[in-house]
Every structure is written in structure tokens, then in C-alpha cells.
Amino acid sequence: MVDESAFVSRRILVTRPAGDASDLLCAALKSDGYEVFSQPLLVLQGLPQLTVAQCQMVLHLDRYQHVIFISSNAVNFGMALIEDHWSKLPIDLNWYAIGAATAAKLGRFGVFAFTPGSVMTSEGLLSLPLLQNVRDQRVLIVKGQGGRDTLAQELTRRGALVDELCCYSRGLPQMPAGELAANLSQWCIDVIMITSGEGLSNLQVLLTPAETTKLRRISLIVPSQRVANMAQSAGFDQVVTAENASDLAMLRALKEWRRGTGG
């Protein structure tokens, strides 16, 4: 067993989008004695204007039987749109959140949401009992532009009538070539926390293959086996897979990494 008293400070890079979620994770890491740096790998922006079809989704929210939020950011942007049109939320809707943090944000709007527990993925949502027999039922998925389409495809296969309310965009941070690699080297980063597949993809865009090779000593903590496979295919040899993308799971995975390195 590692002697916790012998723990030497390590340098961690947090890559969550800027905002409350990133601040909370950074604060938790600092309280555990880590030196923490932040470099978001996703830039989030509300869409300047919804399409006519998307406006209809919000205006006719009461026609849906199921409303699914796939992230905390979907709550931030999506509920702002919904509140603009609904002073009181429609009743008899089944609300869903991909994880506890997303559900907690919905709770601030007086909404109880079903969650898939620790399996914070599309597959976890699809395993929920109320989403098994959805033939001819209307489902609204509140999300950002792009991303995986597993949820919509499978619900459609089950016979649901699925709409997607894309209420924000996810973009690549604007950084000069070589800047991220230089920062990682200057900061002597030991671990990068990656919280989504898209974040990992952006990391690959911001690093050249040669830079990735030089940085193989850096460990990655990722939120799922799917993202772990992506990281290994990209050339990262030291990958720790967390149970999900929550702060608690990331911190547990970091503890596992620390034990494995004896640091």
C-alpha cells in the first residue's frame, strides 16, 4: 500500500469546458494537494438563432412524453430556452439526465430526472425501464451540435418519434500551432483529465503526431472504455479508465493512477 504521507505533488491538467464544473474539479484537486492547470479542450457557445423547427420543439414541449438532457451544459443552454417560453413547465413529462450532476442542475428548475446511475453514457440511458417500450411516443433529446447519435438511432429503432434540440455548439479552442505542447512541457504535466471523446479528438488536433509521441510519458484519465480505446489508438500508452466523467469518478481514477505509480 502506498504511504499517503509520502505523496509528492503532481501536476494535473483539467480539460473541462470553462465554467462551474471545471472550477469545482480544479478546487477538489487542489484540496488534495495537486498542482492544477486548466486548458479547456471544448469551447461552448449558445446558438445565435434556433431554426423554425427547433422553436416548434420548445413551443410544443407538452407534446413529448420523454425529455432527455445529455449533459450539464445541455441543461444550462436548453432550460434557458425552455424558460423563455414556459413560465410553468408542462406536467406529465418524464425527464432524464445522463448523470447526477446533470440531474442536480435540473433539480434547480424543480425537475426530477431519472438517471442511469454510474453508467453515464447513451447506453446507460437506453437501459432505463421507461425508455424500453417507447413505440409511437415522442422523445426530445436536448444536446449540443454534433456528438454521438447512438441515443437517437436506438430510440428510433424502438419506434419512438425522436427530435433533437441542439441548443449550443462545441468548438475547438483557438491556439497557435505548438502552444499546447509547449504548455504541457513547461508545466511538467503528469496527468491530463479527458472528460469526453470529443475533448480527446480536439487534443489530437492541437498536437502534431510528433508532439504526441514526445508526450507519451503523460498519463491520460478518460471517462469510458470507448475513449480509452481512442487514446490508445492515438498513441497514448498510459491510460486510466474512470467509471464515468463525474468529478468523483475522475478523482477515484486519479487515486488509482497514483497508487500504480507509487507517487
Protein backbone atom coordinates (compact mmCIF):
# COMPACT_ATOMS: atom_id res chain seq x y z
CA MET A 1 0.00 0.00 0.00
CA VAL A 2 1.24 3.48 -0.86
CA ASP A 3 2.09 5.67 2.12
CA GLU A 4 -0.22 8.64 1.66
CA SER A 5 2.07 10.78 3.81
CA ALA A 6 4.83 10.29 1.22
CA PHE A 7 2.65 11.67 -1.58
CA VAL A 8 4.59 14.08 -3.77
CA SER A 9 2.62 16.83 -5.50
CA ARG A 10 1.80 16.03 -9.11
CA ARG A 11 0.75 18.36 -11.91
CA ILE A 12 -2.69 17.78 -13.39
CA LEU A 13 -4.27 19.32 -16.48
CA VAL A 14 -8.05 19.73 -16.34
CA THR A 15 -9.68 20.00 -19.77
CA ARG A 16 -13.36 20.51 -18.94
CA PRO A 17 -15.01 23.48 -20.69
CA ALA A 18 -14.64 26.69 -18.70
CA GLY A 19 -17.31 27.23 -16.05
CA ASP A 20 -18.59 25.92 -12.74
CA ALA A 21 -17.86 22.26 -13.49
CA SER A 22 -14.22 22.96 -14.31
CA ASP A 23 -13.82 25.21 -11.25
CA LEU A 24 -15.22 22.55 -8.92
CA LEU A 25 -12.91 19.83 -10.23
CA CYS A 26 -9.87 22.12 -10.03
CA ALA A 27 -10.77 23.07 -6.44
CA ALA A 28 -11.14 19.41 -5.44
CA LEU A 29 -7.75 18.55 -6.92
CA LYS A 30 -6.04 21.47 -5.23
CA SER A 31 -7.52 20.47 -1.88
CA ASP A 32 -5.96 17.02 -2.42
CA GLY A 33 -2.54 18.58 -2.85
CA TYR A 34 -2.17 18.58 -6.63
CA GLU A 35 -0.80 21.43 -8.71
CA VAL A 36 -3.59 22.14 -11.17
CA PHE A 37 -3.66 23.75 -14.60
CA SER A 38 -6.72 24.31 -16.78
CA GLN A 39 -6.92 24.20 -20.56
CA PRO A 40 -10.42 23.58 -21.93
CA LEU A 41 -10.45 21.32 -24.97
CA LEU A 42 -14.00 22.34 -25.87
CA VAL A 43 -15.40 25.84 -26.30
CA LEU A 44 -19.16 26.08 -25.74
CA GLN A 45 -21.40 28.76 -27.23
CA GLY A 46 -25.14 29.23 -27.37
CA LEU A 47 -26.54 29.23 -30.87
CA PRO A 48 -27.34 32.72 -32.15
CA GLN A 49 -30.68 31.62 -33.55
CA LEU A 50 -32.78 28.47 -33.49
CA THR A 51 -34.35 27.08 -36.62
CA VAL A 52 -38.11 27.24 -37.04
CA ALA A 53 -38.30 23.51 -36.35
CA GLN A 54 -36.31 23.88 -33.12
CA CYS A 55 -38.53 26.73 -31.97
CA GLN A 56 -41.52 24.45 -32.51
CA MET A 57 -39.93 21.80 -30.32
CA VAL A 58 -39.70 24.28 -27.44
CA LEU A 59 -43.15 25.77 -28.00
CA HIS A 60 -44.75 22.32 -28.07
CA LEU A 61 -42.77 20.77 -25.22
CA ASP A 62 -46.02 19.42 -23.77
CA ARG A 63 -46.42 17.08 -26.76
CA TYR A 64 -43.46 14.96 -25.69
CA GLN A 65 -43.57 12.03 -23.30
CA HIS A 66 -39.79 12.00 -22.64
CA VAL A 67 -37.20 14.80 -22.44
CA ILE A 68 -33.54 13.78 -22.20
CA PHE A 69 -30.60 16.04 -21.30
CA ILE A 70 -27.27 14.58 -22.31
CA SER A 71 -25.04 16.92 -20.27
CA SER A 72 -24.99 19.66 -17.67
CA ASN A 73 -24.31 22.11 -20.49
CA ALA A 74 -27.49 20.95 -22.20
CA VAL A 75 -29.34 21.99 -19.05
CA ASN A 76 -27.62 25.38 -18.96
CA PHE A 77 -28.48 26.25 -22.55
CA GLY A 78 -31.64 24.21 -23.01
CA MET A 79 -33.50 25.27 -19.89
CA ALA A 80 -32.77 28.91 -20.70
CA LEU A 81 -34.64 28.42 -23.98
CA ILE A 82 -37.47 26.48 -22.35
CA GLU A 83 -37.96 29.07 -19.60
CA ASP A 84 -38.26 31.78 -22.25
CA HIS A 85 -41.44 30.08 -23.47
CA TRP A 86 -42.77 28.26 -20.42
CA SER A 87 -43.36 30.17 -17.19
CA LYS A 88 -44.58 26.89 -15.73
CA LEU A 89 -43.24 23.61 -17.06
CA PRO A 90 -45.74 21.16 -18.56
CA ILE A 91 -46.78 18.27 -16.37
CA ASP A 92 -46.73 14.52 -17.08
CA LEU A 93 -43.32 14.57 -18.75
CA ASN A 94 -40.63 12.03 -17.99
CA TRP A 95 -37.34 13.87 -17.60
CA TYR A 96 -33.92 12.21 -17.87
CA ALA A 97 -30.33 13.24 -17.14
CA ILE A 98 -27.18 11.45 -18.19
CA GLY A 99 -25.68 11.74 -14.70
CA ALA A 100 -26.10 13.03 -11.17
CA ALA A 101 -24.60 16.47 -11.87
CA THR A 102 -26.97 16.99 -14.80
CA ALA A 103 -29.90 15.81 -12.67
CA ALA A 104 -28.89 18.22 -9.90
CA LYS A 105 -28.95 21.13 -12.34
CA LEU A 106 -32.43 20.11 -13.50
CA GLY A 107 -33.42 19.95 -9.86
CA ARG A 108 -32.79 23.69 -9.60
CA PHE A 109 -35.66 24.14 -12.04
CA GLY A 110 -37.95 21.95 -9.97
CA VAL A 111 -37.47 18.96 -12.26
CA PHE A 112 -36.92 15.40 -11.05
CA ALA A 113 -34.89 13.45 -13.58
CA PHE A 114 -34.24 9.74 -13.97
CA THR A 115 -30.55 8.85 -14.33
CA PRO A 116 -28.68 5.67 -15.31
CA GLY A 117 -26.51 5.75 -12.19
CA SER A 118 -22.81 5.23 -12.74
CA VAL A 119 -23.17 4.31 -16.43
CA MET A 120 -23.22 7.92 -17.62
CA THR A 121 -23.49 7.20 -21.35
CA SER A 122 -26.09 6.90 -24.09
CA GLU A 123 -26.07 3.16 -23.44
CA GLY A 124 -26.82 3.81 -19.77
CA LEU A 125 -29.80 5.98 -20.64
CA LEU A 126 -31.06 3.38 -23.09
CA SER A 127 -31.13 0.80 -20.31
CA LEU A 128 -33.64 2.77 -18.22
CA PRO A 129 -37.01 0.96 -17.85
CA LEU A 130 -39.18 3.85 -19.07
CA LEU A 131 -37.26 4.00 -22.35
CA GLN A 132 -37.74 0.35 -23.28
CA ASN A 133 -41.25 0.43 -24.73
CA VAL A 134 -41.47 3.78 -26.50
CA ARG A 135 -43.21 2.90 -29.76
CA ASP A 136 -45.12 5.94 -31.07
CA GLN A 137 -44.02 8.01 -28.09
CA ARG A 138 -42.39 11.41 -28.63
CA VAL A 139 -38.86 11.93 -27.28
CA LEU A 140 -36.92 15.20 -27.17
CA ILE A 141 -33.13 15.00 -26.78
CA VAL A 142 -31.56 18.27 -25.58
CA LYS A 143 -27.92 18.41 -26.61
CA GLY A 144 -25.14 20.31 -28.32
CA GLN A 145 -24.45 20.20 -32.02
CA GLY A 146 -22.67 17.08 -33.24
CA GLY A 147 -21.65 14.33 -30.88
CA ARG A 148 -22.74 10.68 -30.86
CA ASP A 149 -26.10 9.75 -32.38
CA THR A 150 -26.42 6.36 -30.64
CA LEU A 151 -29.27 7.53 -28.42
CA ALA A 152 -31.45 8.93 -31.20
CA GLN A 153 -30.78 5.98 -33.50
CA GLU A 154 -31.66 3.34 -30.93
CA LEU A 155 -34.80 5.12 -29.69
CA THR A 156 -35.93 5.49 -33.30
CA ARG A 157 -35.29 1.78 -33.82
CA ARG A 158 -37.52 1.11 -30.83
CA GLY A 159 -40.30 3.02 -32.57
CA ALA A 160 -40.06 6.38 -30.82
CA LEU A 161 -40.59 9.68 -32.61
CA VAL A 162 -37.33 11.45 -31.81
CA ASP A 163 -36.46 15.14 -32.09
CA GLU A 164 -33.12 16.70 -31.19
CA LEU A 165 -32.97 20.20 -29.73
CA CYS A 166 -29.41 21.31 -30.45
CA CYS A 167 -29.03 24.42 -28.32
CA TYR A 168 -25.28 25.07 -28.22
CA SER A 169 -22.15 24.44 -30.24
CA ARG A 170 -18.91 22.77 -29.22
CA GLY A 171 -15.82 24.12 -30.88
CA LEU A 172 -12.07 23.73 -30.97
CA PRO A 173 -10.07 26.17 -28.80
CA GLN A 174 -8.17 28.69 -30.88
CA MET A 175 -4.50 28.11 -30.14
CA PRO A 176 -1.39 28.77 -32.24
CA ALA A 177 0.36 25.67 -33.54
CA GLY A 178 2.66 24.19 -30.93
CA GLU A 179 1.27 26.18 -27.99
CA LEU A 180 -0.46 23.29 -26.24
CA ALA A 181 2.60 21.03 -26.49
CA ALA A 182 4.79 23.86 -25.20
CA ASN A 183 2.47 24.45 -22.25
CA LEU A 184 2.34 20.76 -21.36
CA SER A 185 6.12 20.65 -21.37
CA GLN A 186 6.59 23.93 -19.46
CA TRP A 187 4.03 22.95 -16.82
CA CYS A 188 5.59 19.46 -16.50
CA ILE A 189 2.14 17.88 -16.68
CA ASP A 190 1.92 14.35 -15.29
CA VAL A 191 -1.77 13.64 -15.96
CA ILE A 192 -4.36 15.01 -18.38
CA MET A 193 -8.01 14.55 -17.41
CA ILE A 194 -10.12 13.99 -20.53
CA THR A 195 -13.88 14.02 -19.94
CA SER A 196 -15.25 13.27 -23.41
CA GLY A 197 -14.36 11.65 -26.71
CA GLU A 198 -14.65 15.00 -28.44
CA GLY A 199 -12.19 16.51 -25.99
CA LEU A 200 -9.72 13.76 -26.83
CA SER A 201 -10.26 14.35 -30.55
CA ASN A 202 -9.50 18.05 -30.06
CA LEU A 203 -6.35 17.15 -28.12
CA GLN A 204 -5.21 15.17 -31.15
CA VAL A 205 -5.96 18.11 -33.45
CA LEU A 206 -3.98 20.51 -31.25
CA LEU A 207 -0.96 18.18 -31.06
CA THR A 208 1.03 17.04 -34.08
CA PRO A 209 1.91 13.32 -34.28
CA ALA A 210 5.50 14.19 -33.34
CA GLU A 211 4.31 16.16 -30.30
CA THR A 212 2.04 13.29 -29.25
CA THR A 213 5.00 10.90 -29.43
CA LYS A 214 7.13 13.19 -27.24
CA LEU A 215 4.32 13.40 -24.67
CA ARG A 216 3.73 9.67 -24.28
CA ARG A 217 5.07 9.83 -20.72
CA ILE A 218 1.94 11.81 -19.78
CA SER A 219 -0.90 9.71 -18.39
CA LEU A 220 -4.48 10.23 -19.50
CA ILE A 221 -7.55 9.70 -17.34
CA VAL A 222 -10.57 9.11 -19.56
CA PRO A 223 -14.30 8.59 -18.83
CA SER A 224 -15.02 5.31 -20.62
CA GLN A 225 -13.51 2.31 -22.34
CA ARG A 226 -14.56 3.76 -25.70
CA VAL A 227 -12.44 6.87 -25.08
CA ALA A 228 -9.62 4.72 -23.67
CA ASN A 229 -9.55 2.79 -26.95
CA MET A 230 -9.39 6.10 -28.85
CA ALA A 231 -6.48 7.28 -26.68
CA GLN A 232 -4.51 4.08 -27.15
CA SER A 233 -5.09 4.20 -30.91
CA ALA A 234 -3.75 7.77 -30.87
CA GLY A 235 -0.50 6.58 -29.32
CA PHE A 236 -1.02 7.29 -25.63
CA ASP A 237 0.34 4.32 -23.70
CA GLN A 238 -0.57 5.31 -20.14
CA VAL A 239 -4.36 5.43 -19.95
CA VAL A 240 -6.51 5.04 -16.85
CA THR A 241 -10.23 4.49 -17.40
CA ALA A 242 -12.59 6.14 -14.91
CA GLU A 243 -16.05 4.78 -14.23
CA ASN A 244 -17.60 7.87 -15.85
CA ALA A 245 -16.93 11.57 -16.41
CA SER A 246 -18.07 12.81 -12.98
CA ASP A 247 -15.67 14.58 -10.64
CA LEU A 248 -15.92 11.74 -8.13
CA ALA A 249 -15.06 9.10 -10.74
CA MET A 250 -12.18 11.18 -12.09
CA LEU A 251 -10.76 11.64 -8.59
CA ARG A 252 -11.06 7.91 -7.88
CA ALA A 253 -9.24 7.12 -11.13
CA LEU A 254 -6.52 9.60 -10.21
CA LYS A 255 -6.06 7.83 -6.89
CA GLU A 256 -5.74 4.55 -8.80
CA TRP A 257 -3.12 6.12 -11.05
CA ARG A 258 -1.22 7.45 -8.04
CA ARG A 259 -1.14 4.01 -6.43
CA GLY A 260 0.07 2.47 -9.67
CA THR A 261 2.95 4.94 -9.98
CA GLY A 262 3.81 4.92 -6.28
CA GLY A 263 3.66 8.71 -6.29
